[in-house]
Amino acid sequence: MMRQVLLLSTVLAFGCNDQQFHSLQNVPQWGELSLSGRLCHPETKVWLKGATVYTHLIDENGDLWGTLDTVADDEGFFTLDRMEAGQDYQVYVQWGNELVQKLDVTMPDTDYTMPNPDCGSFSGLSAAVVTGDFDDFTEVLPLLGIEAWDTVEGTSTDQLSQFLANGDALLEYDVIFFPGGHVEEGVFYTNGGASASRPI
């Protein structure tokens, strides 16, 4: 038993003394930079609230060794951390089950903020919203870039009729939204089903 222990000790000692340790080259590593930006759906033109942003980290052999990911906030802004200067990244944007964008990014030597995309929003437009019983536009409008709007009581026949009959008032708005659930009878058609005739 003692002989076996001595032999094993000799082998281990010989291996440690004979082995040379080299630092590995081109080993992928986590960076210290961040990539920021804002996300817009390329077709529907809405800010991508809650979209997942990620990039795969691939070594020189083409093997996946890590993934960076984050989630966009309520206005579509995101920040992806731990990126490395001088590296090329393919950044993917997933919204629900849909892969909506693939961005090719080469990181500079500092944190980088991408230019805001043209989301075709209604920013700066004068808007009115006709209220209804079915839909609530208060969460949708900020995503379109509309921060303030006038509200028209759409569940009141008299108020909605007066609003639609005032042509000068209607011309003050660039856009008027009609969510579902506003009154129609007596405004757009009569009790008998005929179209209501109102000057506009």
C-alpha atoms as a PDB file:
ATOM      1  CA  MET A   1       0.000   0.000   0.000  1.00  0.00           C
ATOM      2  CA  MET A   2       2.803   2.379   0.937  1.00  0.00           C
ATOM      3  CA  ARG A   3       4.575   1.544  -2.329  1.00  0.00           C
ATOM      4  CA  GLN A   4       1.439   2.443  -4.351  1.00  0.00           C
ATOM      5  CA  VAL A   5       1.092   5.768  -2.571  1.00  0.00           C
ATOM      6  CA  LEU A   6       4.717   6.636  -3.236  1.00  0.00           C
ATOM      7  CA  LEU A   7       4.386   5.749  -6.917  1.00  0.00           C
ATOM      8  CA  LEU A   8       1.249   7.865  -7.262  1.00  0.00           C
ATOM      9  CA  SER A   9       2.951  10.820  -5.540  1.00  0.00           C
ATOM     10  CA  THR A  10       5.904  10.510  -7.897  1.00  0.00           C
ATOM     11  CA  VAL A  11       3.648  10.502 -10.978  1.00  0.00           C
ATOM     12  CA  LEU A  12       1.695  13.539  -9.814  1.00  0.00           C
ATOM     13  CA  ALA A  13       4.829  15.443  -8.936  1.00  0.00           C
ATOM     14  CA  PHE A  14       6.429  14.583 -12.268  1.00  0.00           C
ATOM     15  CA  GLY A  15       3.300  15.647 -14.169  1.00  0.00           C
ATOM     16  CA  CYS A  16       3.057  18.985 -12.408  1.00  0.00           C
ATOM     17  CA  ASN A  17       6.730  19.797 -12.877  1.00  0.00           C
ATOM     18  CA  ASP A  18       6.781  18.769 -16.517  1.00  0.00           C
ATOM     19  CA  GLN A  19       3.523  20.451 -17.588  1.00  0.00           C
ATOM     20  CA  GLN A  20       3.700  23.957 -19.046  1.00  0.00           C
ATOM     21  CA  PHE A  21       0.660  26.248 -18.610  1.00  0.00           C
ATOM     22  CA  HIS A  22      -0.087  28.627 -21.468  1.00  0.00           C
ATOM     23  CA  SER A  23      -2.626  31.466 -21.546  1.00  0.00           C
ATOM     24  CA  LEU A  24      -5.304  30.766 -24.136  1.00  0.00           C
ATOM     25  CA  GLN A  25      -5.599  33.253 -26.960  1.00  0.00           C
ATOM     26  CA  ASN A  26      -8.816  34.702 -28.471  1.00  0.00           C
ATOM     27  CA  VAL A  27     -10.954  33.419 -25.617  1.00  0.00           C
ATOM     28  CA  PRO A  28     -14.377  35.153 -25.644  1.00  0.00           C
ATOM     29  CA  GLN A  29     -14.967  37.426 -22.709  1.00  0.00           C
ATOM     30  CA  TRP A  30     -17.620  39.635 -21.188  1.00  0.00           C
ATOM     31  CA  GLY A  31     -17.262  43.292 -22.088  1.00  0.00           C
ATOM     32  CA  GLU A  32     -17.919  46.437 -20.065  1.00  0.00           C
ATOM     33  CA  LEU A  33     -19.861  48.491 -22.617  1.00  0.00           C
ATOM     34  CA  SER A  34     -23.572  48.957 -23.207  1.00  0.00           C
ATOM     35  CA  LEU A  35     -25.696  49.243 -26.332  1.00  0.00           C
ATOM     36  CA  SER A  36     -28.858  51.331 -25.983  1.00  0.00           C
ATOM     37  CA  GLY A  37     -31.674  52.271 -28.299  1.00  0.00           C
ATOM     38  CA  ARG A  38     -35.390  52.397 -28.951  1.00  0.00           C
ATOM     39  CA  LEU A  39     -37.359  49.788 -30.840  1.00  0.00           C
ATOM     40  CA  CYS A  40     -40.126  50.316 -33.375  1.00  0.00           C
ATOM     41  CA  HIS A  41     -42.085  47.640 -35.222  1.00  0.00           C
ATOM     42  CA  PRO A  42     -41.080  48.001 -38.880  1.00  0.00           C
ATOM     43  CA  GLU A  43     -44.615  47.349 -40.153  1.00  0.00           C
ATOM     44  CA  THR A  44     -47.148  48.420 -37.525  1.00  0.00           C
ATOM     45  CA  LYS A  45     -45.040  51.448 -36.499  1.00  0.00           C
ATOM     46  CA  VAL A  46     -45.567  51.127 -32.762  1.00  0.00           C
ATOM     47  CA  TRP A  47     -42.917  51.237 -30.043  1.00  0.00           C
ATOM     48  CA  LEU A  48     -42.054  47.709 -28.967  1.00  0.00           C
ATOM     49  CA  LYS A  49     -43.007  47.643 -25.293  1.00  0.00           C
ATOM     50  CA  GLY A  50     -41.679  44.505 -23.617  1.00  0.00           C
ATOM     51  CA  ALA A  51     -39.699  43.281 -26.619  1.00  0.00           C
ATOM     52  CA  THR A  52     -36.809  40.908 -25.903  1.00  0.00           C
ATOM     53  CA  VAL A  53     -33.406  42.040 -27.193  1.00  0.00           C
ATOM     54  CA  TYR A  54     -30.596  39.501 -27.326  1.00  0.00           C
ATOM     55  CA  THR A  55     -27.342  38.569 -29.002  1.00  0.00           C
ATOM     56  CA  HIS A  56     -25.481  35.268 -29.075  1.00  0.00           C
ATOM     57  CA  LEU A  57     -21.781  35.191 -28.212  1.00  0.00           C
ATOM     58  CA  ILE A  58     -19.860  32.992 -30.640  1.00  0.00           C
ATOM     59  CA  ASP A  59     -16.194  32.043 -30.288  1.00  0.00           C
ATOM     60  CA  GLU A  60     -13.688  31.777 -33.143  1.00  0.00           C
ATOM     61  CA  ASN A  61     -14.677  28.136 -33.690  1.00  0.00           C
ATOM     62  CA  GLY A  62     -18.298  29.077 -34.233  1.00  0.00           C
ATOM     63  CA  ASP A  63     -19.418  27.684 -30.880  1.00  0.00           C
ATOM     64  CA  LEU A  64     -22.025  29.404 -28.726  1.00  0.00           C
ATOM     65  CA  TRP A  65     -20.596  30.236 -25.303  1.00  0.00           C
ATOM     66  CA  GLY A  66     -23.074  32.797 -23.961  1.00  0.00           C
ATOM     67  CA  THR A  67     -26.059  35.070 -24.601  1.00  0.00           C
ATOM     68  CA  LEU A  68     -26.737  38.679 -23.638  1.00  0.00           C
ATOM     69  CA  ASP A  69     -30.383  39.668 -23.294  1.00  0.00           C
ATOM     70  CA  THR A  70     -32.662  42.369 -21.926  1.00  0.00           C
ATOM     71  CA  VAL A  71     -36.295  43.538 -22.163  1.00  0.00           C
ATOM     72  CA  ALA A  72     -37.453  46.883 -23.582  1.00  0.00           C
ATOM     73  CA  ASP A  73     -39.376  49.171 -21.230  1.00  0.00           C
ATOM     74  CA  ASP A  74     -42.903  50.541 -21.680  1.00  0.00           C
ATOM     75  CA  GLU A  75     -41.726  53.042 -24.307  1.00  0.00           C
ATOM     76  CA  GLY A  76     -39.533  50.638 -26.274  1.00  0.00           C
ATOM     77  CA  PHE A  77     -36.174  51.712 -24.792  1.00  0.00           C
ATOM     78  CA  PHE A  78     -33.556  49.052 -24.031  1.00  0.00           C
ATOM     79  CA  THR A  79     -29.980  48.727 -22.796  1.00  0.00           C
ATOM     80  CA  LEU A  80     -27.870  45.658 -23.515  1.00  0.00           C
ATOM     81  CA  ASP A  81     -24.888  45.422 -21.149  1.00  0.00           C
ATOM     82  CA  ARG A  82     -21.577  43.527 -21.029  1.00  0.00           C
ATOM     83  CA  MET A  83     -20.653  44.090 -24.675  1.00  0.00           C
ATOM     84  CA  GLU A  84     -17.042  44.244 -25.799  1.00  0.00           C
ATOM     85  CA  ALA A  85     -15.379  47.053 -27.749  1.00  0.00           C
ATOM     86  CA  GLY A  86     -14.501  46.283 -31.356  1.00  0.00           C
ATOM     87  CA  GLN A  87     -16.678  43.179 -31.570  1.00  0.00           C
ATOM     88  CA  ASP A  88     -19.324  42.514 -34.214  1.00  0.00           C
ATOM     89  CA  TYR A  89     -22.745  41.493 -32.910  1.00  0.00           C
ATOM     90  CA  GLN A  90     -25.971  40.340 -34.466  1.00  0.00           C
ATOM     91  CA  VAL A  91     -28.674  41.742 -32.197  1.00  0.00           C
ATOM     92  CA  TYR A  92     -32.127  40.173 -32.435  1.00  0.00           C
ATOM     93  CA  VAL A  93     -35.439  41.785 -31.454  1.00  0.00           C
ATOM     94  CA  GLN A  94     -38.291  39.461 -30.569  1.00  0.00           C
ATOM     95  CA  TRP A  95     -41.816  40.710 -29.801  1.00  0.00           C
ATOM     96  CA  GLY A  96     -43.967  37.926 -28.452  1.00  0.00           C
ATOM     97  CA  ASN A  97     -43.382  34.999 -30.800  1.00  0.00           C
ATOM     98  CA  GLU A  98     -42.343  37.248 -33.680  1.00  0.00           C
ATOM     99  CA  LEU A  99     -38.734  37.972 -34.638  1.00  0.00           C
ATOM    100  CA  VAL A 100     -39.161  41.520 -35.933  1.00  0.00           C
ATOM    101  CA  GLN A 101     -35.596  42.774 -36.406  1.00  0.00           C
ATOM    102  CA  LYS A 102     -31.979  41.711 -36.765  1.00  0.00           C
ATOM    103  CA  LEU A 103     -29.415  44.458 -36.251  1.00  0.00           C
ATOM    104  CA  ASP A 104     -25.727  44.247 -37.178  1.00  0.00           C
ATOM    105  CA  VAL A 105     -23.727  46.240 -34.642  1.00  0.00           C
ATOM    106  CA  THR A 106     -19.992  46.820 -34.283  1.00  0.00           C
ATOM    107  CA  MET A 107     -19.302  48.164 -30.811  1.00  0.00           C
ATOM    108  CA  PRO A 108     -17.069  51.261 -30.611  1.00  0.00           C
ATOM    109  CA  ASP A 109     -14.684  51.929 -27.725  1.00  0.00           C
ATOM    110  CA  THR A 110     -17.418  53.562 -25.625  1.00  0.00           C
ATOM    111  CA  ASP A 111     -21.073  52.961 -24.759  1.00  0.00           C
ATOM    112  CA  TYR A 112     -23.213  53.377 -27.861  1.00  0.00           C
ATOM    113  CA  THR A 113     -26.761  54.702 -28.262  1.00  0.00           C
ATOM    114  CA  MET A 114     -28.400  53.893 -31.575  1.00  0.00           C
ATOM    115  CA  PRO A 115     -30.284  56.681 -33.415  1.00  0.00           C
ATOM    116  CA  ASN A 116     -34.027  56.692 -32.769  1.00  0.00           C
ATOM    117  CA  PRO A 117     -35.934  54.996 -35.605  1.00  0.00           C
ATOM    118  CA  ASP A 118     -38.626  56.805 -37.548  1.00  0.00           C
ATOM    119  CA  CYS A 119     -41.648  55.122 -36.079  1.00  0.00           C
ATOM    120  CA  GLY A 120     -44.178  57.120 -38.088  1.00  0.00           C
ATOM    121  CA  SER A 121     -45.890  58.180 -34.891  1.00  0.00           C
ATOM    122  CA  PHE A 122     -48.530  60.855 -34.434  1.00  0.00           C
ATOM    123  CA  SER A 123     -46.196  62.947 -32.283  1.00  0.00           C
ATOM    124  CA  GLY A 124     -47.146  66.630 -32.400  1.00  0.00           C
ATOM    125  CA  LEU A 125     -50.606  66.016 -33.838  1.00  0.00           C
ATOM    126  CA  SER A 126     -53.765  67.430 -32.290  1.00  0.00           C
ATOM    127  CA  ALA A 127     -55.971  64.496 -31.306  1.00  0.00           C
ATOM    128  CA  ALA A 128     -59.398  63.771 -29.881  1.00  0.00           C
ATOM    129  CA  VAL A 129     -60.718  60.490 -28.514  1.00  0.00           C
ATOM    130  CA  VAL A 130     -64.387  59.574 -28.528  1.00  0.00           C
ATOM    131  CA  THR A 131     -64.922  57.423 -25.459  1.00  0.00           C
ATOM    132  CA  GLY A 132     -66.777  54.117 -25.546  1.00  0.00           C
ATOM    133  CA  ASP A 133     -67.717  51.159 -23.410  1.00  0.00           C
ATOM    134  CA  PHE A 134     -65.424  48.598 -25.072  1.00  0.00           C
ATOM    135  CA  ASP A 135     -61.915  49.945 -25.648  1.00  0.00           C
ATOM    136  CA  ASP A 136     -59.492  52.127 -23.689  1.00  0.00           C
ATOM    137  CA  PHE A 137     -57.037  54.117 -25.803  1.00  0.00           C
ATOM    138  CA  THR A 138     -55.158  55.662 -22.878  1.00  0.00           C
ATOM    139  CA  GLU A 139     -52.463  52.969 -23.066  1.00  0.00           C
ATOM    140  CA  VAL A 140     -52.240  52.906 -26.869  1.00  0.00           C
ATOM    141  CA  LEU A 141     -51.910  56.614 -27.629  1.00  0.00           C
ATOM    142  CA  PRO A 142     -48.570  57.190 -25.848  1.00  0.00           C
ATOM    143  CA  LEU A 143     -47.123  54.323 -27.878  1.00  0.00           C
ATOM    144  CA  LEU A 144     -48.097  56.288 -30.996  1.00  0.00           C
ATOM    145  CA  GLY A 145     -46.303  59.358 -29.694  1.00  0.00           C
ATOM    146  CA  ILE A 146     -49.451  61.182 -28.569  1.00  0.00           C
ATOM    147  CA  GLU A 147     -48.954  62.596 -25.089  1.00  0.00           C
ATOM    148  CA  ALA A 148     -52.118  64.753 -24.804  1.00  0.00           C
ATOM    149  CA  TRP A 149     -55.593  64.622 -26.330  1.00  0.00           C
ATOM    150  CA  ASP A 150     -59.127  65.926 -25.872  1.00  0.00           C
ATOM    151  CA  THR A 151     -61.833  63.536 -24.764  1.00  0.00           C
ATOM    152  CA  VAL A 152     -65.342  63.517 -26.212  1.00  0.00           C
ATOM    153  CA  GLU A 153     -68.069  61.678 -24.302  1.00  0.00           C
ATOM    154  CA  GLY A 154     -69.049  59.013 -26.799  1.00  0.00           C
ATOM    155  CA  THR A 155     -71.648  57.299 -24.613  1.00  0.00           C
ATOM    156  CA  SER A 156     -73.893  60.376 -24.643  1.00  0.00           C
ATOM    157  CA  THR A 157     -76.023  60.827 -27.743  1.00  0.00           C
ATOM    158  CA  ASP A 158     -76.372  64.580 -27.210  1.00  0.00           C
ATOM    159  CA  GLN A 159     -72.685  65.280 -26.570  1.00  0.00           C
ATOM    160  CA  LEU A 160     -71.450  63.144 -29.443  1.00  0.00           C
ATOM    161  CA  SER A 161     -74.026  64.647 -31.807  1.00  0.00           C
ATOM    162  CA  GLN A 162     -73.021  68.183 -30.861  1.00  0.00           C
ATOM    163  CA  PHE A 163     -69.349  67.367 -31.341  1.00  0.00           C
ATOM    164  CA  LEU A 164     -69.851  65.862 -34.805  1.00  0.00           C
ATOM    165  CA  ALA A 165     -72.152  68.687 -35.887  1.00  0.00           C
ATOM    166  CA  ASN A 166     -69.555  71.388 -35.177  1.00  0.00           C
ATOM    167  CA  GLY A 167     -67.469  71.494 -38.328  1.00  0.00           C
ATOM    168  CA  ASP A 168     -65.146  74.239 -37.082  1.00  0.00           C
ATOM    169  CA  ALA A 169     -64.330  72.215 -33.938  1.00  0.00           C
ATOM    170  CA  LEU A 170     -63.631  69.091 -35.975  1.00  0.00           C
ATOM    171  CA  LEU A 171     -61.134  70.966 -38.146  1.00  0.00           C
ATOM    172  CA  GLU A 172     -59.038  71.741 -35.073  1.00  0.00           C
ATOM    173  CA  TYR A 173     -57.970  68.101 -34.860  1.00  0.00           C
ATOM    174  CA  ASP A 174     -55.483  66.249 -37.035  1.00  0.00           C
ATOM    175  CA  VAL A 175     -56.886  62.888 -35.969  1.00  0.00           C
ATOM    176  CA  ILE A 176     -60.019  61.670 -34.135  1.00  0.00           C
ATOM    177  CA  PHE A 177     -60.140  58.175 -32.657  1.00  0.00           C
ATOM    178  CA  PHE A 178     -63.402  56.251 -32.304  1.00  0.00           C
ATOM    179  CA  PRO A 179     -62.864  53.268 -29.975  1.00  0.00           C
ATOM    180  CA  GLY A 180     -65.623  50.677 -29.867  1.00  0.00           C
ATOM    181  CA  GLY A 181     -68.658  51.117 -27.676  1.00  0.00           C
ATOM    182  CA  HIS A 182     -69.715  54.684 -28.466  1.00  0.00           C
ATOM    183  CA  VAL A 183     -73.384  55.370 -29.232  1.00  0.00           C
ATOM    184  CA  GLU A 184     -74.474  55.053 -32.841  1.00  0.00           C
ATOM    185  CA  GLU A 185     -78.258  55.066 -32.816  1.00  0.00           C
ATOM    186  CA  GLY A 186     -79.536  58.612 -33.047  1.00  0.00           C
ATOM    187  CA  VAL A 187     -76.091  59.813 -34.120  1.00  0.00           C
ATOM    188  CA  PHE A 188     -75.175  57.866 -37.259  1.00  0.00           C
ATOM    189  CA  TYR A 189     -78.600  56.373 -37.957  1.00  0.00           C
ATOM    190  CA  THR A 190     -82.199  56.839 -36.782  1.00  0.00           C
ATOM    191  CA  ASN A 191     -84.373  54.395 -34.893  1.00  0.00           C
ATOM    192  CA  GLY A 192     -85.703  53.110 -38.173  1.00  0.00           C
ATOM    193  CA  GLY A 193     -82.245  52.325 -39.482  1.00  0.00           C
ATOM    194  CA  ALA A 194     -81.937  55.288 -41.861  1.00  0.00           C
ATOM    195  CA  SER A 195     -78.748  57.328 -41.820  1.00  0.00           C
ATOM    196  CA  ALA A 196     -78.883  60.327 -39.588  1.00  0.00           C
ATOM    197  CA  SER A 197     -78.374  63.523 -41.579  1.00  0.00           C
ATOM    198  CA  ARG A 198     -76.151  65.959 -39.688  1.00  0.00           C
ATOM    199  CA  PRO A 199     -74.244  68.917 -41.068  1.00  0.00           C
ATOM    200  CA  ILE A 200     -70.490  68.615 -40.803  1.00  0.00           C
END
